[in-house]
Amino acid sequence: MATLPFEVFEVFDDKLGKEDARILVKSLETTITENIESKWASTKNELLDEMEKRIDKKFESRRP
């Protein structure tokens, strides 16, 4: 899970109050984490697809 620096919480705390700052920081951390996980899944799938293509290409070139 993504964790924002404490200084970010302090800034929001000064402007919004402790409870609203906590809610906002938690929401930001959740959103960032979800985006990271989504991007990682996409990147992983792209890498696997590319590896599969390269393996297929090698096997095709070895066929008589």
C-alpha atoms as a PDB file:
ATOM      1  CA  MET A   1       0.000   0.000   0.000  1.00  0.00           C
ATOM      2  CA  ALA A   2       1.211   3.490  -0.823  1.00  0.00           C
ATOM      3  CA  THR A   3       1.985   5.661   2.172  1.00  0.00           C
ATOM      4  CA  LEU A   4       2.170   9.416   1.981  1.00  0.00           C
ATOM      5  CA  PRO A   5       4.807  11.184   4.086  1.00  0.00           C
ATOM      6  CA  PHE A   6       3.681  12.439   7.471  1.00  0.00           C
ATOM      7  CA  GLU A   7       4.400  16.004   6.347  1.00  0.00           C
ATOM      8  CA  VAL A   8       1.532  15.710   3.862  1.00  0.00           C
ATOM      9  CA  PHE A   9      -0.820  14.781   6.689  1.00  0.00           C
ATOM     10  CA  GLU A  10       0.465  17.729   8.737  1.00  0.00           C
ATOM     11  CA  VAL A  11      -0.302  20.198   5.938  1.00  0.00           C
ATOM     12  CA  PHE A  12      -3.821  18.822   5.500  1.00  0.00           C
ATOM     13  CA  ASP A  13      -4.265  18.728   9.287  1.00  0.00           C
ATOM     14  CA  ASP A  14      -3.390  22.432   9.530  1.00  0.00           C
ATOM     15  CA  LYS A  15      -5.858  23.341   6.777  1.00  0.00           C
ATOM     16  CA  LEU A  16      -8.681  20.821   7.261  1.00  0.00           C
ATOM     17  CA  GLY A  17      -8.478  19.492  10.781  1.00  0.00           C
ATOM     18  CA  LYS A  18      -7.337  16.094  12.008  1.00  0.00           C
ATOM     19  CA  GLU A  19     -10.353  13.977  11.005  1.00  0.00           C
ATOM     20  CA  ASP A  20     -10.780  15.438   7.516  1.00  0.00           C
ATOM     21  CA  ALA A  21      -7.023  15.221   6.940  1.00  0.00           C
ATOM     22  CA  ARG A  22      -7.045  11.559   7.978  1.00  0.00           C
ATOM     23  CA  ILE A  23      -9.923  10.777   5.598  1.00  0.00           C
ATOM     24  CA  LEU A  24      -8.281  12.668   2.725  1.00  0.00           C
ATOM     25  CA  VAL A  25      -4.852  11.062   3.199  1.00  0.00           C
ATOM     26  CA  LYS A  26      -6.392   7.592   3.470  1.00  0.00           C
ATOM     27  CA  SER A  27      -8.368   8.203   0.262  1.00  0.00           C
ATOM     28  CA  LEU A  28      -5.277   9.443  -1.565  1.00  0.00           C
ATOM     29  CA  GLU A  29      -3.244   6.448  -0.406  1.00  0.00           C
ATOM     30  CA  THR A  30      -5.983   4.054  -1.525  1.00  0.00           C
ATOM     31  CA  THR A  31      -6.287   5.736  -4.929  1.00  0.00           C
ATOM     32  CA  ILE A  32      -2.523   5.725  -5.464  1.00  0.00           C
ATOM     33  CA  THR A  33      -2.302   2.065  -4.449  1.00  0.00           C
ATOM     34  CA  GLU A  34      -5.118   1.082  -6.814  1.00  0.00           C
ATOM     35  CA  ASN A  35      -3.458   2.939  -9.687  1.00  0.00           C
ATOM     36  CA  ILE A  36      -0.092   1.311  -8.976  1.00  0.00           C
ATOM     37  CA  GLU A  37      -1.661  -2.147  -8.848  1.00  0.00           C
ATOM     38  CA  SER A  38      -3.563  -1.534 -12.079  1.00  0.00           C
ATOM     39  CA  LYS A  39      -0.477  -0.253 -13.882  1.00  0.00           C
ATOM     40  CA  TRP A  40       1.603  -3.181 -12.600  1.00  0.00           C
ATOM     41  CA  ALA A  41      -0.995  -5.684 -13.844  1.00  0.00           C
ATOM     42  CA  SER A  42      -1.017  -3.996 -17.243  1.00  0.00           C
ATOM     43  CA  THR A  43       2.778  -3.894 -17.450  1.00  0.00           C
ATOM     44  CA  LYS A  44       3.046  -7.518 -16.339  1.00  0.00           C
ATOM     45  CA  ASN A  45       0.613  -8.605 -19.036  1.00  0.00           C
ATOM     46  CA  GLU A  46       2.493  -6.616 -21.676  1.00  0.00           C
ATOM     47  CA  LEU A  47       5.774  -8.229 -20.623  1.00  0.00           C
ATOM     48  CA  LEU A  48       4.282 -11.709 -20.662  1.00  0.00           C
ATOM     49  CA  ASP A  49       2.791 -11.117 -24.111  1.00  0.00           C
ATOM     50  CA  GLU A  50       6.147  -9.909 -25.423  1.00  0.00           C
ATOM     51  CA  MET A  51       7.957 -12.901 -23.919  1.00  0.00           C
ATOM     52  CA  GLU A  52       5.426 -15.261 -25.475  1.00  0.00           C
ATOM     53  CA  LYS A  53       5.892 -13.639 -28.902  1.00  0.00           C
ATOM     54  CA  ARG A  54       9.672 -13.947 -28.651  1.00  0.00           C
ATOM     55  CA  ILE A  55       9.495 -17.588 -27.574  1.00  0.00           C
ATOM     56  CA  ASP A  56       7.082 -18.379 -30.407  1.00  0.00           C
ATOM     57  CA  LYS A  57       9.420 -16.647 -32.853  1.00  0.00           C
ATOM     58  CA  LYS A  58      12.394 -18.719 -31.655  1.00  0.00           C
ATOM     59  CA  PHE A  59      10.499 -21.980 -31.992  1.00  0.00           C
ATOM     60  CA  GLU A  60       9.210 -21.036 -35.444  1.00  0.00           C
ATOM     61  CA  SER A  61      12.729 -20.263 -36.644  1.00  0.00           C
ATOM     62  CA  ARG A  62      13.941 -23.694 -35.459  1.00  0.00           C
ATOM     63  CA  ARG A  63      11.292 -25.657 -37.338  1.00  0.00           C
ATOM     64  CA  PRO A  64      12.590 -27.445 -40.444  1.00  0.00           C
END
